[in-house]
Amino acid sequence: MVQGYRGGICKTSIVCPEKKALMDLFIAAVRDIMALQDAEVQAIREGKSLQGFDLALDAARSKRDRIKREFLLHVQAHGCSEI
């Protein structure tokens, strides 16, 4: 289960709170990847070591993918695919 998300059944509403929470976590995870990529590009420009970027990016991508799977499973299970 993704940290920051509390599972549950969607209640009939315009916006599913669980879906929104997972979407927010997904967006944050994508932003984390982008920040790491920006830092990597900056390190290249400055001639600094790139050591550690591969591992950090792999971890960030795994987190993003885990959140994405959780989001898709939630939408499928609870039928809240409409925004």
Protein backbone atom coordinates (compact mmCIF):
# COMPACT_ATOMS: atom_id res chain seq x y z
CA MET A 1 0.00 0.00 0.00
CA VAL A 2 1.25 3.47 -0.86
CA GLN A 3 2.27 5.65 2.06
CA GLY A 4 -0.10 8.58 2.50
CA TYR A 5 -3.08 6.69 1.10
CA ARG A 6 -5.77 5.15 3.22
CA GLY A 7 -7.77 2.61 1.24
CA GLY A 8 -11.50 2.46 1.28
CA ILE A 9 -14.61 2.28 -0.82
CA CYS A 10 -15.43 5.34 -2.87
CA LYS A 11 -18.50 7.21 -1.86
CA THR A 12 -20.67 8.58 -4.61
CA SER A 13 -19.43 12.10 -5.15
CA ILE A 14 -18.11 14.30 -7.88
CA VAL A 15 -14.50 13.70 -6.82
CA CYS A 16 -13.38 10.52 -5.10
CA PRO A 17 -11.10 11.56 -2.21
CA GLU A 18 -9.03 8.37 -2.43
CA LYS A 19 -8.54 8.83 -6.15
CA LYS A 20 -7.51 12.45 -5.63
CA ALA A 21 -5.04 11.47 -2.89
CA LEU A 22 -3.45 8.87 -5.15
CA MET A 23 -3.36 11.30 -8.06
CA ASP A 24 -1.62 13.88 -5.85
CA LEU A 25 0.94 11.25 -4.76
CA PHE A 26 1.54 10.30 -8.40
CA ILE A 27 2.09 13.92 -9.42
CA ALA A 28 4.53 14.40 -6.53
CA ALA A 29 6.42 11.25 -7.57
CA VAL A 30 6.71 12.52 -11.15
CA ARG A 31 7.98 15.86 -9.85
CA ASP A 32 10.60 14.02 -7.78
CA ILE A 33 11.85 12.28 -10.93
CA MET A 34 11.98 15.58 -12.79
CA ALA A 35 13.94 17.21 -9.96
CA LEU A 36 16.47 14.37 -9.99
CA GLN A 37 16.82 14.65 -13.77
CA ASP A 38 17.35 18.40 -13.48
CA ALA A 39 20.02 17.83 -10.83
CA GLU A 40 21.70 15.24 -13.04
CA VAL A 41 21.78 17.65 -15.99
CA GLN A 42 23.18 20.37 -13.74
CA ALA A 43 25.88 17.98 -12.50
CA ILE A 44 26.81 17.20 -16.11
CA ARG A 45 27.03 20.91 -16.94
CA GLU A 46 29.25 21.53 -13.93
CA GLY A 47 31.44 18.50 -14.57
CA LYS A 48 30.46 16.91 -11.26
CA SER A 49 30.18 13.23 -10.46
CA LEU A 50 27.04 11.44 -11.59
CA GLN A 51 27.48 8.76 -8.97
CA GLY A 52 24.22 7.92 -7.27
CA PHE A 53 21.87 9.38 -9.85
CA ASP A 54 21.08 6.01 -11.43
CA LEU A 55 20.09 4.48 -8.10
CA ALA A 56 18.10 7.53 -7.05
CA LEU A 57 16.27 7.65 -10.39
CA ASP A 58 15.54 3.92 -10.26
CA ALA A 59 14.07 4.29 -6.76
CA ALA A 60 12.01 7.33 -7.80
CA ARG A 61 10.68 5.54 -10.90
CA SER A 62 9.79 2.47 -8.84
CA LYS A 63 7.87 4.67 -6.40
CA ARG A 64 6.03 6.37 -9.30
CA ASP A 65 5.16 3.02 -10.85
CA ARG A 66 3.94 1.61 -7.51
CA ILE A 67 1.68 4.63 -6.99
CA LYS A 68 0.41 4.37 -10.57
CA ARG A 69 -0.51 0.70 -10.06
CA GLU A 70 -2.27 1.56 -6.79
CA PHE A 71 -4.18 4.34 -8.56
CA LEU A 72 -5.26 2.09 -11.43
CA LEU A 73 -6.29 -0.71 -9.07
CA HIS A 74 -8.32 1.75 -7.00
CA VAL A 75 -10.11 3.14 -10.07
CA GLN A 76 -10.85 -0.37 -11.33
CA ALA A 77 -12.03 -1.68 -7.97
CA HIS A 78 -14.19 1.28 -7.03
CA GLY A 79 -15.42 2.46 -10.41
CA CYS A 80 -14.42 6.07 -9.87
CA SER A 81 -12.82 6.58 -13.27
CA GLU A 82 -14.85 9.71 -13.96
CA ILE A 83 -13.26 12.95 -12.75
